[in-house]
PDB file of N, CA and C in Angstrom:
ATOM      1  N   MET A   1      80.180  13.103 -43.876  1.00  0.00           N
ATOM      2  CA  MET A   1      80.372  11.731 -44.182  1.00  0.00           C
ATOM      3  C   MET A   1      79.036  11.089 -44.835  1.00  0.00           C
ATOM      4  N   ALA A   2      77.894  11.603 -44.126  1.00  0.00           N
ATOM      5  CA  ALA A   2      76.667  11.152 -44.402  1.00  0.00           C
ATOM      6  C   ALA A   2      76.256  11.536 -45.825  1.00  0.00           C
ATOM      7  N   ASP A   3      76.564  12.593 -46.174  1.00  0.00           N
ATOM      8  CA  ASP A   3      76.405  13.114 -47.805  1.00  0.00           C
ATOM      9  C   ASP A   3      77.105  12.072 -48.469  1.00  0.00           C
ATOM     10  N   VAL A   4      78.443  11.555 -48.322  1.00  0.00           N
ATOM     11  CA  VAL A   4      78.983  10.740 -49.115  1.00  0.00           C
ATOM     12  C   VAL A   4      78.395   9.067 -49.290  1.00  0.00           C
ATOM     13  N   ALA A   5      77.778   8.611 -47.693  1.00  0.00           N
ATOM     14  CA  ALA A   5      76.915   7.489 -47.895  1.00  0.00           C
ATOM     15  C   ALA A   5      75.878   7.509 -48.748  1.00  0.00           C
ATOM     16  N   LEU A   6      75.040   8.795 -48.667  1.00  0.00           N
ATOM     17  CA  LEU A   6      73.913   9.103 -49.101  1.00  0.00           C
ATOM     18  C   LEU A   6      74.002   9.352 -50.864  1.00  0.00           C
ATOM     19  N   SER A   7      75.262   9.695 -51.426  1.00  0.00           N
ATOM     20  CA  SER A   7      75.707   9.858 -52.668  1.00  0.00           C
ATOM     21  C   SER A   7      75.691   8.148 -53.043  1.00  0.00           C
ATOM     22  N   VAL A   8      76.240   7.371 -52.217  1.00  0.00           N
ATOM     23  CA  VAL A   8      76.754   5.994 -52.911  1.00  0.00           C
ATOM     24  C   VAL A   8      75.917   5.326 -52.973  1.00  0.00           C
ATOM     25  N   LEU A   9      74.730   5.214 -51.853  1.00  0.00           N
ATOM     26  CA  LEU A   9      73.262   4.560 -51.815  1.00  0.00           C
ATOM     27  C   LEU A   9      72.586   4.864 -53.303  1.00  0.00           C
ATOM     28  N   ARG A  10      72.440   6.463 -53.352  1.00  0.00           N
ATOM     29  CA  ARG A  10      71.702   6.798 -54.550  1.00  0.00           C
ATOM     30  C   ARG A  10      72.258   6.202 -55.640  1.00  0.00           C
ATOM     31  N   LYS A  11      73.539   6.113 -55.881  1.00  0.00           N
ATOM     32  CA  LYS A  11      74.067   5.622 -57.315  1.00  0.00           C
ATOM     33  C   LYS A  11      74.010   4.122 -57.462  1.00  0.00           C
ATOM     34  N   ALA A  12      73.664   3.368 -56.172  1.00  0.00           N
ATOM     35  CA  ALA A  12      73.665   1.929 -56.324  1.00  0.00           C
ATOM     36  C   ALA A  12      71.988   1.723 -56.638  1.00  0.00           C
ATOM     37  N   ILE A  13      71.493   2.379 -55.952  1.00  0.00           N
ATOM     38  CA  ILE A  13      70.200   2.094 -56.492  1.00  0.00           C
ATOM     39  C   ILE A  13      69.713   2.416 -58.069  1.00  0.00           C
ATOM     40  N   THR A  14      70.362   3.383 -58.545  1.00  0.00           N
ATOM     41  CA  THR A  14      70.238   3.714 -59.868  1.00  0.00           C
ATOM     42  C   THR A  14      70.868   2.697 -60.790  1.00  0.00           C
ATOM     43  N   VAL A  15      72.362   2.367 -60.416  1.00  0.00           N
ATOM     44  CA  VAL A  15      72.665   0.990 -61.076  1.00  0.00           C
ATOM     45  C   VAL A  15      71.923  -0.237 -61.062  1.00  0.00           C
ATOM     46  N   SER A  16      71.289  -0.704 -59.796  1.00  0.00           N
ATOM     47  CA  SER A  16      70.373  -1.882 -59.715  1.00  0.00           C
ATOM     48  C   SER A  16      69.282  -1.587 -60.748  1.00  0.00           C
ATOM     49  N   CYS A  17      68.594  -0.392 -60.608  1.00  0.00           N
ATOM     50  CA  CYS A  17      67.295  -0.187 -61.591  1.00  0.00           C
ATOM     51  C   CYS A  17      67.764  -0.115 -63.022  1.00  0.00           C
ATOM     52  N   LEU A  18      68.965   0.252 -63.267  1.00  0.00           N
ATOM     53  CA  LEU A  18      69.117   0.435 -64.713  1.00  0.00           C
ATOM     54  C   LEU A  18      69.458  -1.039 -65.451  1.00  0.00           C
ATOM     55  N   ALA A  19      70.346  -1.809 -64.212  1.00  0.00           N
ATOM     56  CA  ALA A  19      70.162  -3.097 -64.627  1.00  0.00           C
ATOM     57  C   ALA A  19      68.996  -3.957 -65.018  1.00  0.00           C
ATOM     58  N   LYS A  20      67.988  -3.479 -64.498  1.00  0.00           N
ATOM     59  CA  LYS A  20      66.884  -4.338 -64.453  1.00  0.00           C
ATOM     60  C   LYS A  20      65.971  -3.928 -65.225  1.00  0.00           C
ATOM     61  N   GLY A  21      66.254  -2.693 -66.255  1.00  0.00           N
ATOM     62  CA  GLY A  21      65.489  -2.423 -67.642  1.00  0.00           C
ATOM     63  C   GLY A  21      65.173  -1.071 -67.477  1.00  0.00           C
ATOM     64  N   LEU A  22      65.112  -0.355 -66.416  1.00  0.00           N
ATOM     65  CA  LEU A  22      64.689   1.066 -66.089  1.00  0.00           C
ATOM     66  C   LEU A  22      65.597   1.979 -67.153  1.00  0.00           C
ATOM     67  N   ALA A  23      64.995   3.456 -67.504  1.00  0.00           N
ATOM     68  CA  ALA A  23      65.787   4.043 -68.476  1.00  0.00           C
ATOM     69  C   ALA A  23      65.665   5.057 -67.768  1.00  0.00           C
ATOM     70  N   LEU A  24      66.995   5.959 -68.435  1.00  0.00           N
ATOM     71  CA  LEU A  24      67.279   7.127 -67.499  1.00  0.00           C
ATOM     72  C   LEU A  24      66.780   8.595 -68.584  1.00  0.00           C
ATOM     73  N   SER A  25      66.039   9.281 -68.146  1.00  0.00           N
ATOM     74  CA  SER A  25      65.441  10.351 -68.828  1.00  0.00           C
ATOM     75  C   SER A  25      66.715  11.760 -68.933  1.00  0.00           C
ATOM     76  N   GLN A  26      66.321  12.454 -70.035  1.00  0.00           N
ATOM     77  CA  GLN A  26      67.556  13.400 -70.293  1.00  0.00           C
ATOM     78  C   GLN A  26      67.556  14.400 -68.904  1.00  0.00           C
ATOM     79  N   LYS A  27      66.601  14.259 -67.954  1.00  0.00           N
ATOM     80  CA  LYS A  27      66.942  15.265 -66.495  1.00  0.00           C
ATOM     81  C   LYS A  27      67.521  14.137 -65.696  1.00  0.00           C
ATOM     82  N   ARG A  28      67.989  12.856 -65.783  1.00  0.00           N
ATOM     83  CA  ARG A  28      68.694  11.862 -65.381  1.00  0.00           C
ATOM     84  C   ARG A  28      67.656  11.424 -64.193  1.00  0.00           C
ATOM     85  N   ASP A  29      66.152  11.237 -64.675  1.00  0.00           N
ATOM     86  CA  ASP A  29      65.196  10.320 -63.853  1.00  0.00           C
ATOM     87  C   ASP A  29      65.385   9.005 -64.034  1.00  0.00           C
ATOM     88  N   LEU A  30      65.137   8.265 -63.044  1.00  0.00           N
ATOM     89  CA  LEU A  30      64.555   6.750 -63.692  1.00  0.00           C
ATOM     90  C   LEU A  30      63.148   6.897 -64.145  1.00  0.00           C
ATOM     91  N   TYR A  31      62.854   6.049 -65.044  1.00  0.00           N
ATOM     92  CA  TYR A  31      61.491   5.658 -65.548  1.00  0.00           C
ATOM     93  C   TYR A  31      61.648   3.977 -66.325  1.00  0.00           C
ATOM     94  N   PHE A  32      60.294   3.697 -66.101  1.00  0.00           N
ATOM     95  CA  PHE A  32      59.961   2.294 -66.866  1.00  0.00           C
ATOM     96  C   PHE A  32      59.659   2.885 -68.357  1.00  0.00           C
ATOM     97  N   PRO A  33      60.592   2.345 -69.070  1.00  0.00           N
ATOM     98  CA  PRO A  33      60.158   2.428 -70.503  1.00  0.00           C
ATOM     99  C   PRO A  33      59.321   1.080 -70.944  1.00  0.00           C
ATOM    100  N   GLU A  34      58.367   1.716 -72.459  1.00  0.00           N
ATOM    101  CA  GLU A  34      57.386   1.079 -72.429  1.00  0.00           C
ATOM    102  C   GLU A  34      57.856  -0.649 -72.695  1.00  0.00           C
ATOM    103  N   GLY A  35      56.827  -1.469 -72.489  1.00  0.00           N
ATOM    104  CA  GLY A  35      57.370  -2.784 -72.736  1.00  0.00           C
ATOM    105  C   GLY A  35      58.042  -3.665 -71.841  1.00  0.00           C
ATOM    106  N   LEU A  36      58.825  -2.921 -70.803  1.00  0.00           N
ATOM    107  CA  LEU A  36      59.630  -3.588 -69.619  1.00  0.00           C
ATOM    108  C   LEU A  36      58.562  -4.360 -68.809  1.00  0.00           C
ATOM    109  N   ILE A  37      57.554  -4.046 -68.625  1.00  0.00           N
ATOM    110  CA  ILE A  37      56.636  -4.606 -67.664  1.00  0.00           C
ATOM    111  C   ILE A  37      55.439  -5.465 -68.725  1.00  0.00           C
ATOM    112  N   PRO A  38      55.397  -6.691 -68.686  1.00  0.00           N
ATOM    113  CA  PRO A  38      53.926  -7.173 -69.257  1.00  0.00           C
ATOM    114  C   PRO A  38      52.644  -6.174 -69.087  1.00  0.00           C
ATOM    115  N   GLY A  39      52.181  -5.734 -70.211  1.00  0.00           N
ATOM    116  CA  GLY A  39      51.077  -5.290 -70.325  1.00  0.00           C
ATOM    117  C   GLY A  39      51.401  -3.873 -69.532  1.00  0.00           C
ATOM    118  N   ASN A  40      52.320  -3.205 -69.600  1.00  0.00           N
ATOM    119  CA  ASN A  40      52.930  -2.160 -68.665  1.00  0.00           C
ATOM    120  C   ASN A  40      51.949  -1.897 -67.323  1.00  0.00           C
ATOM    121  N   ARG A  41      52.113  -3.081 -66.979  1.00  0.00           N
ATOM    122  CA  ARG A  41      50.902  -2.793 -65.451  1.00  0.00           C
ATOM    123  C   ARG A  41      51.979  -3.403 -64.680  1.00  0.00           C
ATOM    124  N   LEU A  42      52.524  -2.929 -63.514  1.00  0.00           N
ATOM    125  CA  LEU A  42      53.010  -3.108 -62.468  1.00  0.00           C
ATOM    126  C   LEU A  42      52.116  -3.611 -61.130  1.00  0.00           C
ATOM    127  N   LYS A  43      52.065  -4.892 -60.904  1.00  0.00           N
ATOM    128  CA  LYS A  43      51.088  -5.581 -60.171  1.00  0.00           C
ATOM    129  C   LYS A  43      51.774  -5.662 -58.758  1.00  0.00           C
ATOM    130  N   PHE A  44      51.060  -5.607 -57.836  1.00  0.00           N
ATOM    131  CA  PHE A  44      51.562  -5.616 -56.408  1.00  0.00           C
ATOM    132  C   PHE A  44      50.412  -5.517 -55.478  1.00  0.00           C
ATOM    133  N   THR A  45      50.544  -6.307 -53.795  1.00  0.00           N
ATOM    134  CA  THR A  45      49.583  -6.226 -53.206  1.00  0.00           C
ATOM    135  C   THR A  45      49.592  -4.856 -52.494  1.00  0.00           C
ATOM    136  N   ASN A  46      48.182  -4.354 -52.234  1.00  0.00           N
ATOM    137  CA  ASN A  46      47.906  -3.310 -51.371  1.00  0.00           C
ATOM    138  C   ASN A  46      48.073  -3.615 -50.077  1.00  0.00           C
ATOM    139  N   TYR A  47      48.282  -2.464 -49.168  1.00  0.00           N
ATOM    140  CA  TYR A  47      48.430  -2.660 -47.716  1.00  0.00           C
ATOM    141  C   TYR A  47      47.291  -3.259 -46.954  1.00  0.00           C
ATOM    142  N   ASP A  48      46.299  -3.525 -47.621  1.00  0.00           N
ATOM    143  CA  ASP A  48      45.099  -3.913 -47.322  1.00  0.00           C
ATOM    144  C   ASP A  48      44.704  -5.522 -47.599  1.00  0.00           C
ATOM    145  N   GLY A  49      45.821  -6.244 -48.500  1.00  0.00           N
ATOM    146  CA  GLY A  49      45.964  -7.272 -48.798  1.00  0.00           C
ATOM    147  C   GLY A  49      45.259  -7.339 -50.363  1.00  0.00           C
ATOM    148  N   THR A  50      44.517  -6.527 -50.848  1.00  0.00           N
ATOM    149  CA  THR A  50      43.954  -6.530 -52.086  1.00  0.00           C
ATOM    150  C   THR A  50      44.916  -6.335 -53.579  1.00  0.00           C
ATOM    151  N   LYS A  51      44.963  -7.150 -54.222  1.00  0.00           N
ATOM    152  CA  LYS A  51      45.874  -7.132 -55.439  1.00  0.00           C
ATOM    153  C   LYS A  51      45.235  -6.147 -56.400  1.00  0.00           C
ATOM    154  N   THR A  52      46.292  -5.197 -56.695  1.00  0.00           N
ATOM    155  CA  THR A  52      45.850  -4.431 -57.591  1.00  0.00           C
ATOM    156  C   THR A  52      46.942  -4.082 -58.912  1.00  0.00           C
ATOM    157  N   PHE A  53      47.144  -3.223 -59.435  1.00  0.00           N
ATOM    158  CA  PHE A  53      48.238  -2.570 -60.218  1.00  0.00           C
ATOM    159  C   PHE A  53      48.059  -1.036 -60.505  1.00  0.00           C
ATOM    160  N   VAL A  54      49.458  -0.684 -61.275  1.00  0.00           N
ATOM    161  CA  VAL A  54      49.666   0.655 -61.447  1.00  0.00           C
ATOM    162  C   VAL A  54      50.249   0.686 -62.793  1.00  0.00           C
ATOM    163  N   SER A  55      49.910   1.686 -63.823  1.00  0.00           N
ATOM    164  CA  SER A  55      50.066   1.666 -65.278  1.00  0.00           C
ATOM    165  C   SER A  55      51.588   2.247 -65.105  1.00  0.00           C
ATOM    166  N   THR A  56      52.462   1.750 -65.902  1.00  0.00           N
ATOM    167  CA  THR A  56      53.973   2.206 -66.052  1.00  0.00           C
ATOM    168  C   THR A  56      53.780   3.052 -67.103  1.00  0.00           C
ATOM    169  N   VAL A  57      53.032   2.753 -68.095  1.00  0.00           N
ATOM    170  CA  VAL A  57      53.036   3.772 -69.243  1.00  0.00           C
ATOM    171  C   VAL A  57      51.640   4.035 -69.895  1.00  0.00           C
ATOM    172  N   GLY A  58      51.587   5.228 -70.260  1.00  0.00           N
ATOM    173  CA  GLY A  58      49.823   5.525 -70.569  1.00  0.00           C
ATOM    174  C   GLY A  58      49.888   6.901 -71.028  1.00  0.00           C
ATOM    175  N   GLU A  59      48.691   7.442 -71.446  1.00  0.00           N
ATOM    176  CA  GLU A  59      48.051   8.490 -71.770  1.00  0.00           C
ATOM    177  C   GLU A  59      47.117   9.242 -71.195  1.00  0.00           C
ATOM    178  N   ARG A  60      47.283  10.711 -70.774  1.00  0.00           N
ATOM    179  CA  ARG A  60      46.136  11.323 -69.801  1.00  0.00           C
ATOM    180  C   ARG A  60      45.602  12.422 -70.854  1.00  0.00           C
ATOM    181  N   THR A  61      44.522  12.744 -70.914  1.00  0.00           N
ATOM    182  CA  THR A  61      43.666  13.640 -71.645  1.00  0.00           C
ATOM    183  C   THR A  61      43.523  15.011 -70.655  1.00  0.00           C
ATOM    184  N   PHE A  62      44.018  16.206 -70.748  1.00  0.00           N
ATOM    185  CA  PHE A  62      43.602  17.130 -69.998  1.00  0.00           C
ATOM    186  C   PHE A  62      42.739  18.266 -70.720  1.00  0.00           C
ATOM    187  N   LYS A  63      41.702  18.541 -70.348  1.00  0.00           N
ATOM    188  CA  LYS A  63      41.095  19.777 -70.843  1.00  0.00           C
ATOM    189  C   LYS A  63      41.018  21.201 -70.558  1.00  0.00           C
ATOM    190  N   SER A  64      40.992  21.991 -71.325  1.00  0.00           N
ATOM    191  CA  SER A  64      41.058  23.182 -70.662  1.00  0.00           C
ATOM    192  C   SER A  64      40.198  24.289 -71.456  1.00  0.00           C
ATOM    193  N   GLY A  65      39.002  24.600 -71.115  1.00  0.00           N
ATOM    194  CA  GLY A  65      37.973  25.319 -72.052  1.00  0.00           C
ATOM    195  C   GLY A  65      37.796  24.603 -73.219  1.00  0.00           C
ATOM    196  N   LEU A  66      38.147  24.726 -74.439  1.00  0.00           N
ATOM    197  CA  LEU A  66      37.647  24.144 -75.731  1.00  0.00           C
ATOM    198  C   LEU A  66      38.698  23.131 -76.245  1.00  0.00           C
ATOM    199  N   THR A  67      39.923  23.317 -75.504  1.00  0.00           N
ATOM    200  CA  THR A  67      41.249  22.653 -75.910  1.00  0.00           C
ATOM    201  C   THR A  67      41.213  21.390 -75.443  1.00  0.00           C
ATOM    202  N   LYS A  68      41.758  20.210 -76.180  1.00  0.00           N
ATOM    203  CA  LYS A  68      42.328  19.040 -75.009  1.00  0.00           C
ATOM    204  C   LYS A  68      44.026  18.859 -75.490  1.00  0.00           C
ATOM    205  N   GLU A  69      44.494  18.548 -74.560  1.00  0.00           N
ATOM    206  CA  GLU A  69      46.084  18.083 -74.569  1.00  0.00           C
ATOM    207  C   GLU A  69      46.085  16.713 -74.307  1.00  0.00           C
ATOM    208  N   VAL A  70      46.809  15.747 -75.139  1.00  0.00           N
ATOM    209  CA  VAL A  70      47.145  14.340 -74.851  1.00  0.00           C
ATOM    210  C   VAL A  70      48.620  14.419 -74.312  1.00  0.00           C
ATOM    211  N   VAL A  71      48.898  13.848 -73.044  1.00  0.00           N
ATOM    212  CA  VAL A  71      50.173  13.783 -72.481  1.00  0.00           C
ATOM    213  C   VAL A  71      50.394  12.397 -72.387  1.00  0.00           C
ATOM    214  N   ARG A  72      51.675  11.960 -72.846  1.00  0.00           N
ATOM    215  CA  ARG A  72      52.085  10.508 -72.568  1.00  0.00           C
ATOM    216  C   ARG A  72      52.901  10.493 -71.211  1.00  0.00           C
ATOM    217  N   TYR A  73      53.109   9.589 -70.560  1.00  0.00           N
ATOM    218  CA  TYR A  73      53.651   9.548 -69.116  1.00  0.00           C
ATOM    219  C   TYR A  73      54.270   7.953 -69.018  1.00  0.00           C
ATOM    220  N   HIS A  74      55.132   8.095 -68.040  1.00  0.00           N
ATOM    221  CA  HIS A  74      55.965   6.948 -67.781  1.00  0.00           C
ATOM    222  C   HIS A  74      56.389   7.027 -66.171  1.00  0.00           C
ATOM    223  N   LEU A  75      55.992   5.759 -65.393  1.00  0.00           N
ATOM    224  CA  LEU A  75      55.857   5.715 -64.271  1.00  0.00           C
ATOM    225  C   LEU A  75      57.784   6.105 -63.789  1.00  0.00           C
ATOM    226  N   SER A  76      57.814   7.057 -62.816  1.00  0.00           N
ATOM    227  CA  SER A  76      59.104   7.220 -62.269  1.00  0.00           C
ATOM    228  C   SER A  76      59.583   7.056 -61.031  1.00  0.00           C
ATOM    229  N   PRO A  77      60.071   6.077 -60.179  1.00  0.00           N
ATOM    230  CA  PRO A  77      60.184   5.737 -58.985  1.00  0.00           C
ATOM    231  C   PRO A  77      61.380   6.906 -58.440  1.00  0.00           C
ATOM    232  N   ARG A  78      60.750   7.084 -57.347  1.00  0.00           N
ATOM    233  CA  ARG A  78      61.570   7.999 -56.310  1.00  0.00           C
ATOM    234  C   ARG A  78      62.529   7.381 -55.365  1.00  0.00           C
ATOM    235  N   SER A  79      63.644   7.492 -54.939  1.00  0.00           N
ATOM    236  CA  SER A  79      64.420   7.074 -54.059  1.00  0.00           C
ATOM    237  C   SER A  79      63.991   7.728 -52.687  1.00  0.00           C
ATOM    238  N   LEU A  80      64.001   6.731 -51.977  1.00  0.00           N
ATOM    239  CA  LEU A  80      63.914   7.331 -50.354  1.00  0.00           C
ATOM    240  C   LEU A  80      64.919   7.423 -49.804  1.00  0.00           C
ATOM    241  N   ALA A  81      66.187   7.597 -50.435  1.00  0.00           N
ATOM    242  CA  ALA A  81      67.524   7.812 -50.069  1.00  0.00           C
ATOM    243  C   ALA A  81      67.219   9.322 -50.113  1.00  0.00           C
ATOM    244  N   GLU A  82      66.942  10.166 -49.193  1.00  0.00           N
ATOM    245  CA  GLU A  82      66.722  11.767 -49.415  1.00  0.00           C
ATOM    246  C   GLU A  82      67.576  12.434 -48.195  1.00  0.00           C
ATOM    247  N   LYS A  83      68.214  13.491 -48.416  1.00  0.00           N
ATOM    248  CA  LYS A  83      68.919  14.309 -47.120  1.00  0.00           C
ATOM    249  C   LYS A  83      68.032  14.910 -46.502  1.00  0.00           C
ATOM    250  N   GLY A  84      68.096  14.626 -45.250  1.00  0.00           N
ATOM    251  CA  GLY A  84      67.140  15.367 -44.063  1.00  0.00           C
ATOM    252  C   GLY A  84      66.137  14.065 -43.516  1.00  0.00           C
ATOM    253  N   LEU A  85      66.154  12.997 -43.967  1.00  0.00           N
ATOM    254  CA  LEU A  85      65.189  12.289 -43.347  1.00  0.00           C
ATOM    255  C   LEU A  85      65.849  11.595 -42.089  1.00  0.00           C
ATOM    256  N   SER A  86      65.012  11.854 -41.092  1.00  0.00           N
ATOM    257  CA  SER A  86      65.972  11.373 -39.859  1.00  0.00           C
ATOM    258  C   SER A  86      65.616   9.835 -39.551  1.00  0.00           C
ATOM    259  N   ARG A  87      64.656   9.260 -40.145  1.00  0.00           N
ATOM    260  CA  ARG A  87      64.452   8.033 -40.261  1.00  0.00           C
ATOM    261  C   ARG A  87      63.725   7.464 -41.528  1.00  0.00           C
ATOM    262  N   PRO A  88      64.552   6.870 -42.290  1.00  0.00           N
ATOM    263  CA  PRO A  88      64.037   6.613 -43.870  1.00  0.00           C
ATOM    264  C   PRO A  88      63.043   5.334 -43.586  1.00  0.00           C
ATOM    265  N   ALA A  89      61.815   5.531 -44.534  1.00  0.00           N
ATOM    266  CA  ALA A  89      60.871   4.400 -44.314  1.00  0.00           C
ATOM    267  C   ALA A  89      61.070   3.726 -45.455  1.00  0.00           C
ATOM    268  N   LEU A  90      62.122   2.712 -45.451  1.00  0.00           N
ATOM    269  CA  LEU A  90      62.317   1.587 -46.403  1.00  0.00           C
ATOM    270  C   LEU A  90      61.409   0.454 -45.985  1.00  0.00           C
ATOM    271  N   VAL A  91      60.587   0.093 -47.067  1.00  0.00           N
ATOM    272  CA  VAL A  91      59.732  -1.266 -46.400  1.00  0.00           C
ATOM    273  C   VAL A  91      60.354  -2.373 -46.711  1.00  0.00           C
ATOM    274  N   LYS A  92      60.108  -3.533 -45.716  1.00  0.00           N
ATOM    275  CA  LYS A  92      60.611  -4.654 -45.576  1.00  0.00           C
ATOM    276  C   LYS A  92      60.000  -5.629 -46.305  1.00  0.00           C
ATOM    277  N   GLU A  93      60.657  -6.878 -46.274  1.00  0.00           N
ATOM    278  CA  GLU A  93      59.989  -7.905 -46.931  1.00  0.00           C
ATOM    279  C   GLU A  93      58.551  -7.812 -46.872  1.00  0.00           C
ATOM    280  N   ALA A  94      57.572  -8.489 -47.615  1.00  0.00           N
ATOM    281  CA  ALA A  94      56.025  -8.613 -47.697  1.00  0.00           C
ATOM    282  C   ALA A  94      55.926  -9.307 -46.156  1.00  0.00           C
ATOM    283  N   PRO A  95      55.029  -8.948 -45.178  1.00  0.00           N
ATOM    284  CA  PRO A  95      54.645  -9.334 -44.233  1.00  0.00           C
ATOM    285  C   PRO A  95      53.921 -11.039 -44.195  1.00  0.00           C
ATOM    286  N   THR A  96      54.259 -11.940 -43.028  1.00  0.00           N
ATOM    287  CA  THR A  96      53.530 -12.936 -43.290  1.00  0.00           C
ATOM    288  C   THR A  96      51.957 -12.954 -42.773  1.00  0.00           C
ATOM    289  N   GLU A  97      51.148 -13.787 -43.051  1.00  0.00           N
ATOM    290  CA  GLU A  97      49.839 -13.761 -43.170  1.00  0.00           C
ATOM    291  C   GLU A  97      49.542 -13.363 -41.574  1.00  0.00           C
ATOM    292  N   GLY A  98      48.971 -12.180 -41.284  1.00  0.00           N
ATOM    293  CA  GLY A  98      48.477 -11.678 -40.081  1.00  0.00           C
ATOM    294  C   GLY A  98      49.228 -10.714 -39.459  1.00  0.00           C
ATOM    295  N   GLU A  99      50.525 -10.559 -40.097  1.00  0.00           N
ATOM    296  CA  GLU A  99      51.333  -9.803 -39.287  1.00  0.00           C
ATOM    297  C   GLU A  99      51.041  -8.557 -40.028  1.00  0.00           C
ATOM    298  N   VAL A 100      51.201  -7.041 -39.173  1.00  0.00           N
ATOM    299  CA  VAL A 100      51.151  -5.691 -39.503  1.00  0.00           C
ATOM    300  C   VAL A 100      52.344  -5.506 -40.532  1.00  0.00           C
ATOM    301  N   PRO A 101      52.011  -4.879 -41.724  1.00  0.00           N
ATOM    302  CA  PRO A 101      53.423  -4.429 -42.486  1.00  0.00           C
ATOM    303  C   PRO A 101      54.129  -3.528 -41.279  1.00  0.00           C
ATOM    304  N   ARG A 102      55.307  -3.261 -41.729  1.00  0.00           N
ATOM    305  CA  ARG A 102      56.201  -2.207 -40.897  1.00  0.00           C
ATOM    306  C   ARG A 102      57.428  -1.712 -41.527  1.00  0.00           C
ATOM    307  N   ALA A 103      57.571  -0.598 -41.388  1.00  0.00           N
ATOM    308  CA  ALA A 103      58.797   0.022 -42.317  1.00  0.00           C
ATOM    309  C   ALA A 103      60.046  -0.737 -41.742  1.00  0.00           C
ATOM    310  N   ALA A 104      61.099  -0.195 -42.219  1.00  0.00           N
ATOM    311  CA  ALA A 104      62.504  -0.249 -41.844  1.00  0.00           C
ATOM    312  C   ALA A 104      62.483   0.394 -40.241  1.00  0.00           C
ATOM    313  N   SER A 105      61.914   1.465 -40.089  1.00  0.00           N
ATOM    314  CA  SER A 105      62.345   2.302 -39.023  1.00  0.00           C
ATOM    315  C   SER A 105      61.261   1.861 -37.974  1.00  0.00           C
ATOM    316  N   GLY A 106      60.543   1.098 -38.174  1.00  0.00           N
ATOM    317  CA  GLY A 106      59.802   0.486 -37.482  1.00  0.00           C
ATOM    318  C   GLY A 106      58.475   1.004 -36.725  1.00  0.00           C
ATOM    319  N   GLY A 107      58.160   2.050 -38.002  1.00  0.00           N
ATOM    320  CA  GLY A 107      56.993   2.584 -38.178  1.00  0.00           C
ATOM    321  C   GLY A 107      55.744   1.580 -38.474  1.00  0.00           C
ATOM    322  N   ARG A 108      54.427   1.693 -38.556  1.00  0.00           N
ATOM    323  CA  ARG A 108      53.294   1.159 -39.405  1.00  0.00           C
ATOM    324  C   ARG A 108      52.865   1.487 -40.313  1.00  0.00           C
ATOM    325  N   ILE A 109      52.972   0.860 -41.427  1.00  0.00           N
ATOM    326  CA  ILE A 109      52.595   1.346 -43.161  1.00  0.00           C
ATOM    327  C   ILE A 109      50.982   1.139 -42.880  1.00  0.00           C
ATOM    328  N   VAL A 110      50.374   2.307 -43.364  1.00  0.00           N
ATOM    329  CA  VAL A 110      49.267   2.548 -43.514  1.00  0.00           C
ATOM    330  C   VAL A 110      48.764   3.260 -44.561  1.00  0.00           C
ATOM    331  N   GLY A 111      48.278   2.563 -45.730  1.00  0.00           N
ATOM    332  CA  GLY A 111      48.173   3.409 -46.864  1.00  0.00           C
ATOM    333  C   GLY A 111      49.518   3.674 -47.270  1.00  0.00           C
ATOM    334  N   SER A 112      49.725   5.151 -47.798  1.00  0.00           N
ATOM    335  CA  SER A 112      50.879   5.561 -47.935  1.00  0.00           C
ATOM    336  C   SER A 112      51.635   6.189 -47.250  1.00  0.00           C
ATOM    337  N   ALA A 113      50.963   6.314 -45.842  1.00  0.00           N
ATOM    338  CA  ALA A 113      51.130   7.187 -44.569  1.00  0.00           C
ATOM    339  C   ALA A 113      52.118   6.051 -43.751  1.00  0.00           C
ATOM    340  N   LEU A 114      53.037   6.374 -42.897  1.00  0.00           N
ATOM    341  CA  LEU A 114      53.815   6.071 -41.897  1.00  0.00           C
ATOM    342  C   LEU A 114      53.648   6.524 -40.684  1.00  0.00           C
ATOM    343  N   GLN A 115      52.963   5.572 -39.860  1.00  0.00           N
ATOM    344  CA  GLN A 115      52.598   5.943 -38.672  1.00  0.00           C
ATOM    345  C   GLN A 115      53.882   5.028 -37.702  1.00  0.00           C
ATOM    346  N   THR A 116      54.404   6.218 -36.543  1.00  0.00           N
ATOM    347  CA  THR A 116      54.961   5.346 -35.673  1.00  0.00           C
ATOM    348  C   THR A 116      54.568   4.867 -34.388  1.00  0.00           C
TER     349      THR A 116
END
């Protein structure tokens, strides 16, 4: 029964993301296509309250000896709905001023780690 619920949840998340403009790769991974977000920068408020961004599309250069390889990338979100998680850490709405950010499971969010 849990596998069916998980499958339905994953499909609902995928449909919602596609409706908002995300694209689906050949491997069926969601990703942000070029131009979906203004300036290809997804802006957010960090856990410590600072405003920052992450690039949704870009290029990285990798060097190996005398050769350089330029790789184009797209940000690809991953669903937190994964089999085997006993307590999924889905983030609630943004906390009000002075409130400690909490995960849906009740744990405290510190950076990208979840403390319970």
